[in-house]
Amino acid sequence: MMFDENLYQETISALHASEDTLSEVMNMTHKTKRRGSLRTAAVLAAVIALLCCTAAAAAALGLDQRLAEYFEATAEQEELLATAAVPMNIVKRDSGAVLRIEQVIADRYCAAVLIDFTAPEGTILDQDYYAFDRSVSATSRDGVKMQTYGIGWEVLPSNTENETGRHAAILMTIHSMDGEFNFLGAKVKLTLNGLYRDNWGEELVVPGRWSCTFTLPETDPGRLCTVNEPVEIEGKNAVLTTLYVSPLSLTCEIKQGTDDLKETVEPIYSDEGKEIIAPEITLQSGETIGAADSLFLITKYLDKRGRYCFRMDEILDPETVSSVAVFGETFSVES
């Protein structure tokens, strides 16, 4: 029996095993290859069966409760969010600190990474804000690389005992701000360099370097709707190209219309930006849901287009959305 290493890598990668697990399994398989192809095949079958059981057990656990509480999700809404979540088993150690990536949740344009961090002996983590110096790269399943992105950090209530004060649960959010890249099935490489009390890399708390690679779920929890209709922004003309509705976010994209794009979108970046776009969703039941906050607003003048993303007041089931109102116009998104 021939051993196809490429097929093997694709198979276990599809199970979202951690980089550490893949490395250990590859070492085990290379050792058994020297003892004969039948033994290698037997080990491979056992490994895949074990990973399948592990993946199934992790999926059965559903959404991590810290994420459920962060999104203020009901039991029914947790199920919607769970379709966009992937449990991870990534553990990295450096300088006496331990970093664990527990779960990642993502839609086309937003990803949230749940990090458990334990500081070295003698270091107390008692602040309500921490951030890592970081490097993030991502490639979509069709080979498109992420270009412009934004990062956010929040300290979440911990679900573990923290008697020593060394533990913090940190949510890292990543937003893809422009281009053809999206997070569905993307491979993400994340390098975190040092934990800081601030976002400018000035107040170092824990030195170290923790690096990992993981794959995001391919299933799209949302609906992407092509619109291509004119809209007016403070008296200027633009074109609304797409609307994207997911449990995590509402995203609208525009391109330049008959007016210069810079003049068109300038009001969006004022303090009243959210009010100017005024996103509102109407469900099939007739209930309306507004925006809780702007996740990001960005315009690429060179490309003559912009992308504006919002977190809504409630977790949305995209299949129950009837219409979306933005820029004073209402657009049907029913399938």
C-alpha atoms as a PDB file:
ATOM      1  CA  MET A   1       0.000   0.000   0.000  1.00  0.00           C
ATOM      2  CA  MET A   2       1.372   3.426  -0.985  1.00  0.00           C
ATOM      3  CA  PHE A   3       1.342   6.229   1.588  1.00  0.00           C
ATOM      4  CA  ASP A   4       0.098   9.533   0.103  1.00  0.00           C
ATOM      5  CA  GLU A   5       1.490  12.145   2.485  1.00  0.00           C
ATOM      6  CA  ASN A   6      -0.285  15.062   0.780  1.00  0.00           C
ATOM      7  CA  LEU A   7      -3.672  13.349   1.040  1.00  0.00           C
ATOM      8  CA  TYR A   8      -2.905  12.502   4.652  1.00  0.00           C
ATOM      9  CA  GLN A   9      -2.108  16.140   5.462  1.00  0.00           C
ATOM     10  CA  GLU A  10      -5.316  17.333   3.775  1.00  0.00           C
ATOM     11  CA  THR A  11      -7.401  14.780   5.678  1.00  0.00           C
ATOM     12  CA  ILE A  12      -6.210  15.604   9.172  1.00  0.00           C
ATOM     13  CA  SER A  13      -6.095  19.338   8.458  1.00  0.00           C
ATOM     14  CA  ALA A  14      -9.778  19.180   7.564  1.00  0.00           C
ATOM     15  CA  LEU A  15     -10.425  17.974  11.108  1.00  0.00           C
ATOM     16  CA  HIS A  16      -9.026  21.289  12.447  1.00  0.00           C
ATOM     17  CA  ALA A  17      -6.405  19.578  14.586  1.00  0.00           C
ATOM     18  CA  SER A  18      -3.870  21.915  16.149  1.00  0.00           C
ATOM     19  CA  GLU A  19      -0.426  22.481  14.656  1.00  0.00           C
ATOM     20  CA  ASP A  20       1.160  20.708  17.637  1.00  0.00           C
ATOM     21  CA  THR A  21      -1.073  17.662  17.147  1.00  0.00           C
ATOM     22  CA  LEU A  22      -0.318  17.507  13.410  1.00  0.00           C
ATOM     23  CA  SER A  23       3.427  17.686  14.096  1.00  0.00           C
ATOM     24  CA  GLU A  24       3.304  14.883  16.654  1.00  0.00           C
ATOM     25  CA  VAL A  25       1.195  12.666  14.377  1.00  0.00           C
ATOM     26  CA  MET A  26       3.517  13.266  11.410  1.00  0.00           C
ATOM     27  CA  ASN A  27       6.521  12.251  13.534  1.00  0.00           C
ATOM     28  CA  MET A  28       4.702   9.092  14.620  1.00  0.00           C
ATOM     29  CA  THR A  29       3.781   8.228  11.037  1.00  0.00           C
ATOM     30  CA  HIS A  30       7.311   8.787   9.707  1.00  0.00           C
ATOM     31  CA  LYS A  31       8.623   6.380  12.354  1.00  0.00           C
ATOM     32  CA  THR A  32       6.138   3.670  11.400  1.00  0.00           C
ATOM     33  CA  LYS A  33       6.855   4.119   7.666  1.00  0.00           C
ATOM     34  CA  ARG A  34      10.277   2.584   8.281  1.00  0.00           C
ATOM     35  CA  ARG A  35       8.534  -0.542   9.611  1.00  0.00           C
ATOM     36  CA  GLY A  36       6.367  -1.182   6.550  1.00  0.00           C
ATOM     37  CA  SER A  37       3.434   0.262   4.632  1.00  0.00           C
ATOM     38  CA  LEU A  38       0.784  -1.917   6.298  1.00  0.00           C
ATOM     39  CA  ARG A  39       1.826  -0.724   9.747  1.00  0.00           C
ATOM     40  CA  THR A  40       1.806   2.870   8.473  1.00  0.00           C
ATOM     41  CA  ALA A  41      -1.707   2.420   7.096  1.00  0.00           C
ATOM     42  CA  ALA A  42      -2.891   0.977  10.398  1.00  0.00           C
ATOM     43  CA  VAL A  43      -1.437   3.900  12.352  1.00  0.00           C
ATOM     44  CA  LEU A  44      -2.956   6.363   9.887  1.00  0.00           C
ATOM     45  CA  ALA A  45      -6.402   4.776  10.228  1.00  0.00           C
ATOM     46  CA  ALA A  46      -6.169   4.852  14.010  1.00  0.00           C
ATOM     47  CA  VAL A  47      -5.022   8.474  14.040  1.00  0.00           C
ATOM     48  CA  ILE A  48      -7.838   9.627  11.762  1.00  0.00           C
ATOM     49  CA  ALA A  49     -10.403   7.731  13.820  1.00  0.00           C
ATOM     50  CA  LEU A  50      -9.075   9.319  17.014  1.00  0.00           C
ATOM     51  CA  LEU A  51      -9.101  12.815  15.522  1.00  0.00           C
ATOM     52  CA  CYS A  52     -12.626  12.293  14.202  1.00  0.00           C
ATOM     53  CA  CYS A  53     -13.801  11.307  17.682  1.00  0.00           C
ATOM     54  CA  THR A  54     -11.990  14.290  19.207  1.00  0.00           C
ATOM     55  CA  ALA A  55     -13.456  16.697  16.663  1.00  0.00           C
ATOM     56  CA  ALA A  56     -16.943  15.307  17.154  1.00  0.00           C
ATOM     57  CA  ALA A  57     -16.650  15.555  20.924  1.00  0.00           C
ATOM     58  CA  ALA A  58     -15.406  19.143  20.700  1.00  0.00           C
ATOM     59  CA  ALA A  59     -18.195  20.118  18.320  1.00  0.00           C
ATOM     60  CA  ALA A  60     -20.739  18.592  20.676  1.00  0.00           C
ATOM     61  CA  LEU A  61     -19.574  20.996  23.372  1.00  0.00           C
ATOM     62  CA  GLY A  62     -20.949  23.879  21.275  1.00  0.00           C
ATOM     63  CA  LEU A  63     -20.113  27.509  21.822  1.00  0.00           C
ATOM     64  CA  ASP A  64     -17.737  28.367  24.655  1.00  0.00           C
ATOM     65  CA  GLN A  65     -19.788  29.995  27.412  1.00  0.00           C
ATOM     66  CA  ARG A  66     -17.476  32.984  27.594  1.00  0.00           C
ATOM     67  CA  LEU A  67     -18.274  33.737  23.958  1.00  0.00           C
ATOM     68  CA  ALA A  68     -21.980  33.151  24.580  1.00  0.00           C
ATOM     69  CA  GLU A  69     -21.898  35.670  27.427  1.00  0.00           C
ATOM     70  CA  TYR A  70     -19.854  38.155  25.394  1.00  0.00           C
ATOM     71  CA  PHE A  71     -22.413  38.073  22.563  1.00  0.00           C
ATOM     72  CA  GLU A  72     -25.279  38.017  25.116  1.00  0.00           C
ATOM     73  CA  ALA A  73     -26.740  35.030  23.290  1.00  0.00           C
ATOM     74  CA  THR A  74     -29.859  33.093  24.257  1.00  0.00           C
ATOM     75  CA  ALA A  75     -29.801  29.285  24.040  1.00  0.00           C
ATOM     76  CA  GLU A  76     -31.297  29.449  20.537  1.00  0.00           C
ATOM     77  CA  GLN A  77     -28.822  32.119  19.450  1.00  0.00           C
ATOM     78  CA  GLU A  78     -25.935  30.039  20.804  1.00  0.00           C
ATOM     79  CA  GLU A  79     -26.817  27.386  18.228  1.00  0.00           C
ATOM     80  CA  LEU A  80     -26.554  29.984  15.452  1.00  0.00           C
ATOM     81  CA  LEU A  81     -23.156  31.146  16.684  1.00  0.00           C
ATOM     82  CA  ALA A  82     -21.939  27.566  17.115  1.00  0.00           C
ATOM     83  CA  THR A  83     -22.248  26.996  13.357  1.00  0.00           C
ATOM     84  CA  ALA A  84     -19.539  29.634  12.900  1.00  0.00           C
ATOM     85  CA  ALA A  85     -17.271  28.328  15.696  1.00  0.00           C
ATOM     86  CA  VAL A  86     -14.331  25.925  15.629  1.00  0.00           C
ATOM     87  CA  PRO A  87     -12.901  24.445  18.848  1.00  0.00           C
ATOM     88  CA  MET A  88      -9.107  24.567  18.995  1.00  0.00           C
ATOM     89  CA  ASN A  89      -6.502  22.676  20.960  1.00  0.00           C
ATOM     90  CA  ILE A  90      -3.534  24.976  20.549  1.00  0.00           C
ATOM     91  CA  VAL A  91      -1.119  25.397  23.452  1.00  0.00           C
ATOM     92  CA  LYS A  92       2.053  27.496  23.257  1.00  0.00           C
ATOM     93  CA  ARG A  93       4.599  28.120  26.009  1.00  0.00           C
ATOM     94  CA  ASP A  94       7.348  30.717  26.319  1.00  0.00           C
ATOM     95  CA  SER A  95       9.103  32.613  29.110  1.00  0.00           C
ATOM     96  CA  GLY A  96       7.112  30.768  31.778  1.00  0.00           C
ATOM     97  CA  ALA A  97       3.757  31.795  30.288  1.00  0.00           C
ATOM     98  CA  VAL A  98       1.148  29.523  28.698  1.00  0.00           C
ATOM     99  CA  LEU A  99      -1.105  30.663  25.852  1.00  0.00           C
ATOM    100  CA  ARG A 100      -4.086  28.542  24.809  1.00  0.00           C
ATOM    101  CA  ILE A 101      -6.348  29.224  21.862  1.00  0.00           C
ATOM    102  CA  GLU A 102      -9.616  27.642  22.889  1.00  0.00           C
ATOM    103  CA  GLN A 103     -12.124  28.537  20.179  1.00  0.00           C
ATOM    104  CA  VAL A 104     -12.405  30.658  17.039  1.00  0.00           C
ATOM    105  CA  ILE A 105     -15.645  32.014  15.589  1.00  0.00           C
ATOM    106  CA  ALA A 106     -15.870  33.682  12.180  1.00  0.00           C
ATOM    107  CA  ASP A 107     -18.039  34.901   9.327  1.00  0.00           C
ATOM    108  CA  ARG A 108     -16.906  36.345   5.974  1.00  0.00           C
ATOM    109  CA  TYR A 109     -15.435  39.563   7.362  1.00  0.00           C
ATOM    110  CA  CYS A 110     -14.952  39.087  11.129  1.00  0.00           C
ATOM    111  CA  ALA A 111     -13.138  36.523  13.275  1.00  0.00           C
ATOM    112  CA  ALA A 112     -12.941  36.272  17.065  1.00  0.00           C
ATOM    113  CA  VAL A 113     -10.155  34.277  18.751  1.00  0.00           C
ATOM    114  CA  LEU A 114     -10.655  33.192  22.371  1.00  0.00           C
ATOM    115  CA  ILE A 115      -7.311  33.135  24.184  1.00  0.00           C
ATOM    116  CA  ASP A 116      -6.607  31.723  27.647  1.00  0.00           C
ATOM    117  CA  PHE A 117      -3.403  33.228  29.007  1.00  0.00           C
ATOM    118  CA  THR A 118      -1.532  32.221  32.154  1.00  0.00           C
ATOM    119  CA  ALA A 119       1.309  34.484  33.229  1.00  0.00           C
ATOM    120  CA  PRO A 120       4.544  33.262  34.866  1.00  0.00           C
ATOM    121  CA  GLU A 121       4.797  32.850  38.627  1.00  0.00           C
ATOM    122  CA  GLY A 122       4.821  36.196  40.374  1.00  0.00           C
ATOM    123  CA  THR A 123       2.953  38.118  37.630  1.00  0.00           C
ATOM    124  CA  ILE A 124      -0.549  39.345  38.448  1.00  0.00           C
ATOM    125  CA  LEU A 125      -3.088  39.988  35.669  1.00  0.00           C
ATOM    126  CA  ASP A 126      -5.680  42.245  37.270  1.00  0.00           C
ATOM    127  CA  GLN A 127      -6.309  44.909  34.612  1.00  0.00           C
ATOM    128  CA  ASP A 128      -9.460  45.225  32.481  1.00  0.00           C
ATOM    129  CA  TYR A 129      -7.457  45.693  29.277  1.00  0.00           C
ATOM    130  CA  TYR A 130      -4.527  43.813  27.763  1.00  0.00           C
ATOM    131  CA  ALA A 131      -3.194  43.578  24.211  1.00  0.00           C
ATOM    132  CA  PHE A 132      -0.489  41.613  22.436  1.00  0.00           C
ATOM    133  CA  ASP A 133       1.996  42.994  19.961  1.00  0.00           C
ATOM    134  CA  ARG A 134       1.050  40.889  16.958  1.00  0.00           C
ATOM    135  CA  SER A 135       1.546  39.830  13.386  1.00  0.00           C
ATOM    136  CA  VAL A 136      -1.416  38.363  11.491  1.00  0.00           C
ATOM    137  CA  SER A 137      -1.464  36.885   8.013  1.00  0.00           C
ATOM    138  CA  ALA A 138      -4.282  34.973   6.362  1.00  0.00           C
ATOM    139  CA  THR A 139      -4.910  33.309   3.018  1.00  0.00           C
ATOM    140  CA  SER A 140      -8.378  32.394   1.811  1.00  0.00           C
ATOM    141  CA  ARG A 141      -9.171  28.929   0.485  1.00  0.00           C
ATOM    142  CA  ASP A 142      -8.922  30.295  -3.081  1.00  0.00           C
ATOM    143  CA  GLY A 143      -5.477  31.798  -2.465  1.00  0.00           C
ATOM    144  CA  VAL A 144      -6.370  35.450  -1.799  1.00  0.00           C
ATOM    145  CA  LYS A 145      -4.262  37.081   0.919  1.00  0.00           C
ATOM    146  CA  MET A 146      -5.742  39.389   3.557  1.00  0.00           C
ATOM    147  CA  GLN A 147      -4.509  42.939   3.033  1.00  0.00           C
ATOM    148  CA  THR A 148      -6.014  45.618   5.300  1.00  0.00           C
ATOM    149  CA  TYR A 149      -7.273  44.406   8.674  1.00  0.00           C
ATOM    150  CA  GLY A 150      -8.165  45.726  12.102  1.00  0.00           C
ATOM    151  CA  ILE A 151      -7.568  44.219  15.547  1.00  0.00           C
ATOM    152  CA  GLY A 152      -9.525  44.553  18.780  1.00  0.00           C
ATOM    153  CA  TRP A 153      -8.916  43.231  22.323  1.00  0.00           C
ATOM    154  CA  GLU A 154     -11.232  42.589  25.259  1.00  0.00           C
ATOM    155  CA  VAL A 155     -10.683  40.889  28.618  1.00  0.00           C
ATOM    156  CA  LEU A 156     -13.536  38.480  29.347  1.00  0.00           C
ATOM    157  CA  PRO A 157     -14.717  37.014  32.656  1.00  0.00           C
ATOM    158  CA  SER A 158     -12.787  33.791  33.239  1.00  0.00           C
ATOM    159  CA  ASN A 159     -14.418  30.384  33.649  1.00  0.00           C
ATOM    160  CA  THR A 160     -11.445  29.025  35.631  1.00  0.00           C
ATOM    161  CA  GLU A 161     -10.307  29.616  39.162  1.00  0.00           C
ATOM    162  CA  ASN A 162      -7.860  32.510  39.271  1.00  0.00           C
ATOM    163  CA  GLU A 163      -6.743  32.407  42.882  1.00  0.00           C
ATOM    164  CA  THR A 164      -3.167  33.258  41.920  1.00  0.00           C
ATOM    165  CA  GLY A 165      -4.236  36.203  39.723  1.00  0.00           C
ATOM    166  CA  ARG A 166      -2.104  34.884  36.856  1.00  0.00           C
ATOM    167  CA  HIS A 167      -4.927  34.024  34.462  1.00  0.00           C
ATOM    168  CA  ALA A 168      -6.791  36.125  31.856  1.00  0.00           C
ATOM    169  CA  ALA A 169      -9.304  35.258  29.130  1.00  0.00           C
ATOM    170  CA  ILE A 170      -8.702  37.593  26.185  1.00  0.00           C
ATOM    171  CA  LEU A 171     -10.839  37.939  23.059  1.00  0.00           C
ATOM    172  CA  MET A 172      -8.948  38.988  19.943  1.00  0.00           C
ATOM    173  CA  THR A 173     -11.127  40.218  17.072  1.00  0.00           C
ATOM    174  CA  ILE A 174      -9.843  40.466  13.506  1.00  0.00           C
ATOM    175  CA  HIS A 175     -11.702  42.392  10.793  1.00  0.00           C
ATOM    176  CA  SER A 176     -10.989  42.046   7.083  1.00  0.00           C
ATOM    177  CA  MET A 177     -11.547  45.567   5.834  1.00  0.00           C
ATOM    178  CA  ASP A 178     -11.280  45.456   2.065  1.00  0.00           C
ATOM    179  CA  GLY A 179     -10.505  43.409  -1.025  1.00  0.00           C
ATOM    180  CA  GLU A 180     -11.710  40.016  -2.191  1.00  0.00           C
ATOM    181  CA  PHE A 181     -10.399  38.138   0.861  1.00  0.00           C
ATOM    182  CA  ASN A 182     -12.860  36.523   3.254  1.00  0.00           C
ATOM    183  CA  PHE A 183     -12.334  34.358   6.332  1.00  0.00           C
ATOM    184  CA  LEU A 184     -14.349  31.304   5.202  1.00  0.00           C
ATOM    185  CA  GLY A 185     -11.957  28.343   5.189  1.00  0.00           C
ATOM    186  CA  ALA A 186      -8.981  30.701   5.465  1.00  0.00           C
ATOM    187  CA  LYS A 187      -5.632  29.643   6.906  1.00  0.00           C
ATOM    188  CA  VAL A 188      -4.511  32.098   9.573  1.00  0.00           C
ATOM    189  CA  LYS A 189      -0.985  32.514  10.927  1.00  0.00           C
ATOM    190  CA  LEU A 190      -0.883  34.350  14.217  1.00  0.00           C
ATOM    191  CA  THR A 191       2.230  35.525  16.055  1.00  0.00           C
ATOM    192  CA  LEU A 192       1.848  37.258  19.418  1.00  0.00           C
ATOM    193  CA  ASN A 193       4.876  39.052  20.841  1.00  0.00           C
ATOM    194  CA  GLY A 194       4.570  40.084  24.478  1.00  0.00           C
ATOM    195  CA  LEU A 195       1.492  40.959  26.535  1.00  0.00           C
ATOM    196  CA  TYR A 196       1.005  44.693  27.173  1.00  0.00           C
ATOM    197  CA  ARG A 197      -1.251  46.879  29.324  1.00  0.00           C
ATOM    198  CA  ASP A 198      -1.758  49.216  26.378  1.00  0.00           C
ATOM    199  CA  ASN A 199      -2.287  49.066  22.631  1.00  0.00           C
ATOM    200  CA  TRP A 200       0.905  50.935  21.761  1.00  0.00           C
ATOM    201  CA  GLY A 201       3.476  48.431  23.000  1.00  0.00           C
ATOM    202  CA  GLU A 202       4.765  50.671  25.786  1.00  0.00           C
ATOM    203  CA  GLU A 203       3.793  48.880  29.044  1.00  0.00           C
ATOM    204  CA  LEU A 204       5.096  45.327  28.772  1.00  0.00           C
ATOM    205  CA  VAL A 205       3.616  42.880  31.295  1.00  0.00           C
ATOM    206  CA  VAL A 206       4.805  39.489  30.048  1.00  0.00           C
ATOM    207  CA  PRO A 207       7.612  39.027  27.481  1.00  0.00           C
ATOM    208  CA  GLY A 208       7.462  36.096  25.078  1.00  0.00           C
ATOM    209  CA  ARG A 209       6.595  34.931  21.593  1.00  0.00           C
ATOM    210  CA  TRP A 210       3.704  32.601  20.797  1.00  0.00           C
ATOM    211  CA  SER A 211       3.033  31.578  17.197  1.00  0.00           C
ATOM    212  CA  CYS A 212       0.486  29.220  15.634  1.00  0.00           C
ATOM    213  CA  THR A 213      -1.436  28.445  12.458  1.00  0.00           C
ATOM    214  CA  PHE A 214      -5.074  27.356  12.223  1.00  0.00           C
ATOM    215  CA  THR A 215      -7.869  26.969   9.671  1.00  0.00           C
ATOM    216  CA  LEU A 216     -11.245  28.666   9.979  1.00  0.00           C
ATOM    217  CA  PRO A 217     -14.569  26.942   9.205  1.00  0.00           C
ATOM    218  CA  GLU A 218     -15.661  26.853   5.566  1.00  0.00           C
ATOM    219  CA  THR A 219     -19.387  27.001   6.310  1.00  0.00           C
ATOM    220  CA  ASP A 220     -20.813  30.486   5.810  1.00  0.00           C
ATOM    221  CA  PRO A 221     -23.095  31.340   8.751  1.00  0.00           C
ATOM    222  CA  GLY A 222     -24.467  34.334   6.845  1.00  0.00           C
ATOM    223  CA  ARG A 223     -26.056  35.393   3.574  1.00  0.00           C
ATOM    224  CA  LEU A 224     -24.343  37.539   0.930  1.00  0.00           C
ATOM    225  CA  CYS A 225     -26.840  39.472  -1.190  1.00  0.00           C
ATOM    226  CA  THR A 226     -25.992  41.318  -4.418  1.00  0.00           C
ATOM    227  CA  VAL A 227     -27.767  44.683  -4.563  1.00  0.00           C
ATOM    228  CA  ASN A 228     -26.149  47.092  -7.081  1.00  0.00           C
ATOM    229  CA  GLU A 229     -28.632  49.882  -6.397  1.00  0.00           C
ATOM    230  CA  PRO A 230     -28.009  53.652  -6.144  1.00  0.00           C
ATOM    231  CA  VAL A 231     -27.966  55.292  -2.709  1.00  0.00           C
ATOM    232  CA  GLU A 232     -27.636  58.896  -1.615  1.00  0.00           C
ATOM    233  CA  ILE A 233     -25.229  59.934   1.135  1.00  0.00           C
ATOM    234  CA  GLU A 234     -25.764  63.472   2.344  1.00  0.00           C
ATOM    235  CA  GLY A 235     -26.823  64.557  -1.133  1.00  0.00           C
ATOM    236  CA  LYS A 236     -24.053  62.654  -2.968  1.00  0.00           C
ATOM    237  CA  ASN A 237     -24.560  59.607  -5.204  1.00  0.00           C
ATOM    238  CA  ALA A 238     -23.018  56.157  -4.648  1.00  0.00           C
ATOM    239  CA  VAL A 239     -23.927  52.532  -5.396  1.00  0.00           C
ATOM    240  CA  LEU A 240     -24.696  49.902  -2.745  1.00  0.00           C
ATOM    241  CA  THR A 241     -23.133  46.751  -4.188  1.00  0.00           C
ATOM    242  CA  THR A 242     -23.683  44.045  -1.537  1.00  0.00           C
ATOM    243  CA  LEU A 243     -25.249  43.367   1.849  1.00  0.00           C
ATOM    244  CA  TYR A 244     -24.020  40.599   4.138  1.00  0.00           C
ATOM    245  CA  VAL A 245     -26.051  39.419   7.126  1.00  0.00           C
ATOM    246  CA  SER A 246     -24.666  36.909   9.641  1.00  0.00           C
ATOM    247  CA  PRO A 247     -25.201  36.107  13.340  1.00  0.00           C
ATOM    248  CA  LEU A 248     -22.060  38.166  14.027  1.00  0.00           C
ATOM    249  CA  SER A 249     -22.486  41.229  11.843  1.00  0.00           C
ATOM    250  CA  LEU A 250     -24.152  43.284   9.136  1.00  0.00           C
ATOM    251  CA  THR A 251     -21.814  44.470   6.377  1.00  0.00           C
ATOM    252  CA  CYS A 252     -22.595  46.778   3.475  1.00  0.00           C
ATOM    253  CA  GLU A 253     -20.303  47.666   0.600  1.00  0.00           C
ATOM    254  CA  ILE A 254     -20.503  50.654  -1.706  1.00  0.00           C
ATOM    255  CA  LYS A 255     -18.704  51.846  -4.811  1.00  0.00           C
ATOM    256  CA  GLN A 256     -18.377  55.241  -6.401  1.00  0.00           C
ATOM    257  CA  GLY A 257     -21.460  56.547  -8.195  1.00  0.00           C
ATOM    258  CA  THR A 258     -21.765  59.740 -10.211  1.00  0.00           C
ATOM    259  CA  ASP A 259     -20.068  61.816  -7.490  1.00  0.00           C
ATOM    260  CA  ASP A 260     -16.484  61.706  -6.234  1.00  0.00           C
ATOM    261  CA  LEU A 261     -16.249  58.999  -3.583  1.00  0.00           C
ATOM    262  CA  LYS A 262     -14.183  61.064  -1.143  1.00  0.00           C
ATOM    263  CA  GLU A 263     -16.793  63.820  -1.074  1.00  0.00           C
ATOM    264  CA  THR A 264     -19.563  61.222  -0.911  1.00  0.00           C
ATOM    265  CA  VAL A 265     -18.409  59.315   2.177  1.00  0.00           C
ATOM    266  CA  GLU A 266     -16.742  62.099   4.156  1.00  0.00           C
ATOM    267  CA  PRO A 267     -19.748  62.442   6.539  1.00  0.00           C
ATOM    268  CA  ILE A 268     -19.556  58.741   7.463  1.00  0.00           C
ATOM    269  CA  TYR A 269     -16.370  59.352   9.457  1.00  0.00           C
ATOM    270  CA  SER A 270     -17.893  62.055  11.606  1.00  0.00           C
ATOM    271  CA  ASP A 271     -19.326  61.366  15.074  1.00  0.00           C
ATOM    272  CA  GLU A 272     -22.682  60.825  13.387  1.00  0.00           C
ATOM    273  CA  GLY A 273     -21.345  58.129  11.038  1.00  0.00           C
ATOM    274  CA  LYS A 274     -23.577  55.365  12.363  1.00  0.00           C
ATOM    275  CA  GLU A 275     -26.608  57.654  12.189  1.00  0.00           C
ATOM    276  CA  ILE A 276     -25.820  58.559   8.568  1.00  0.00           C
ATOM    277  CA  ILE A 277     -25.654  54.918   7.468  1.00  0.00           C
ATOM    278  CA  ALA A 278     -28.525  54.131   9.892  1.00  0.00           C
ATOM    279  CA  PRO A 279     -28.472  50.325   9.512  1.00  0.00           C
ATOM    280  CA  GLU A 280     -31.684  48.573  10.516  1.00  0.00           C
ATOM    281  CA  ILE A 281     -32.874  45.035   9.885  1.00  0.00           C
ATOM    282  CA  THR A 282     -36.503  43.958   9.582  1.00  0.00           C
ATOM    283  CA  LEU A 283     -37.307  40.330  10.323  1.00  0.00           C
ATOM    284  CA  GLN A 284     -40.039  38.308   8.648  1.00  0.00           C
ATOM    285  CA  SER A 285     -41.990  38.674  11.892  1.00  0.00           C
ATOM    286  CA  GLY A 286     -41.988  42.455  11.453  1.00  0.00           C
ATOM    287  CA  GLU A 287     -39.556  43.066  14.322  1.00  0.00           C
ATOM    288  CA  THR A 288     -36.850  45.655  13.633  1.00  0.00           C
ATOM    289  CA  ILE A 289     -33.283  45.476  14.958  1.00  0.00           C
ATOM    290  CA  GLY A 290     -30.807  48.361  14.967  1.00  0.00           C
ATOM    291  CA  ALA A 291     -27.034  48.528  15.171  1.00  0.00           C
ATOM    292  CA  ALA A 292     -25.289  48.177  18.519  1.00  0.00           C
ATOM    293  CA  ASP A 293     -21.920  49.487  17.354  1.00  0.00           C
ATOM    294  CA  SER A 294     -19.689  50.113  14.351  1.00  0.00           C
ATOM    295  CA  LEU A 295     -17.146  47.304  14.042  1.00  0.00           C
ATOM    296  CA  PHE A 296     -15.317  49.203  11.332  1.00  0.00           C
ATOM    297  CA  LEU A 297     -15.873  51.825   8.621  1.00  0.00           C
ATOM    298  CA  ILE A 298     -13.315  51.985   5.820  1.00  0.00           C
ATOM    299  CA  THR A 299     -13.158  53.444   2.314  1.00  0.00           C
ATOM    300  CA  LYS A 300     -10.443  52.752  -0.271  1.00  0.00           C
ATOM    301  CA  TYR A 301     -10.404  55.825  -2.462  1.00  0.00           C
ATOM    302  CA  LEU A 302      -7.992  54.276  -4.966  1.00  0.00           C
ATOM    303  CA  ASP A 303     -10.360  51.336  -5.498  1.00  0.00           C
ATOM    304  CA  LYS A 304     -13.351  53.690  -5.297  1.00  0.00           C
ATOM    305  CA  ARG A 305     -15.222  51.503  -2.823  1.00  0.00           C
ATOM    306  CA  GLY A 306     -15.944  51.185   0.873  1.00  0.00           C
ATOM    307  CA  ARG A 307     -16.938  48.519   3.405  1.00  0.00           C
ATOM    308  CA  TYR A 308     -18.914  49.267   6.574  1.00  0.00           C
ATOM    309  CA  CYS A 309     -19.511  46.628   9.226  1.00  0.00           C
ATOM    310  CA  PHE A 310     -21.786  46.710  12.285  1.00  0.00           C
ATOM    311  CA  ARG A 311     -22.587  44.528  15.239  1.00  0.00           C
ATOM    312  CA  MET A 312     -26.363  44.480  15.659  1.00  0.00           C
ATOM    313  CA  ASP A 313     -28.416  44.766  18.845  1.00  0.00           C
ATOM    314  CA  GLU A 314     -29.327  41.063  18.632  1.00  0.00           C
ATOM    315  CA  ILE A 315     -27.812  37.868  17.259  1.00  0.00           C
ATOM    316  CA  LEU A 316     -29.415  37.360  13.850  1.00  0.00           C
ATOM    317  CA  ASP A 317     -30.687  34.278  12.066  1.00  0.00           C
ATOM    318  CA  PRO A 318     -30.007  35.304   8.447  1.00  0.00           C
ATOM    319  CA  GLU A 319     -32.845  33.099   7.217  1.00  0.00           C
ATOM    320  CA  THR A 320     -35.385  35.178   9.156  1.00  0.00           C
ATOM    321  CA  VAL A 321     -34.237  38.547   7.762  1.00  0.00           C
ATOM    322  CA  SER A 322     -36.705  40.156   5.363  1.00  0.00           C
ATOM    323  CA  SER A 323     -35.038  43.476   4.523  1.00  0.00           C
ATOM    324  CA  VAL A 324     -32.145  45.762   5.392  1.00  0.00           C
ATOM    325  CA  ALA A 325     -32.345  49.555   5.546  1.00  0.00           C
ATOM    326  CA  VAL A 326     -29.159  51.589   4.997  1.00  0.00           C
ATOM    327  CA  PHE A 327     -28.546  55.143   3.780  1.00  0.00           C
ATOM    328  CA  GLY A 328     -32.264  55.856   4.021  1.00  0.00           C
ATOM    329  CA  GLU A 329     -33.248  53.097   1.561  1.00  0.00           C
ATOM    330  CA  THR A 330     -34.729  49.650   2.217  1.00  0.00           C
ATOM    331  CA  PHE A 331     -33.570  46.565   0.323  1.00  0.00           C
ATOM    332  CA  SER A 332     -35.197  43.127   0.313  1.00  0.00           C
ATOM    333  CA  VAL A 333     -32.819  40.248   1.121  1.00  0.00           C
ATOM    334  CA  GLU A 334     -35.312  37.402   1.174  1.00  0.00           C
ATOM    335  CA  SER A 335     -34.197  34.388  -0.841  1.00  0.00           C
END
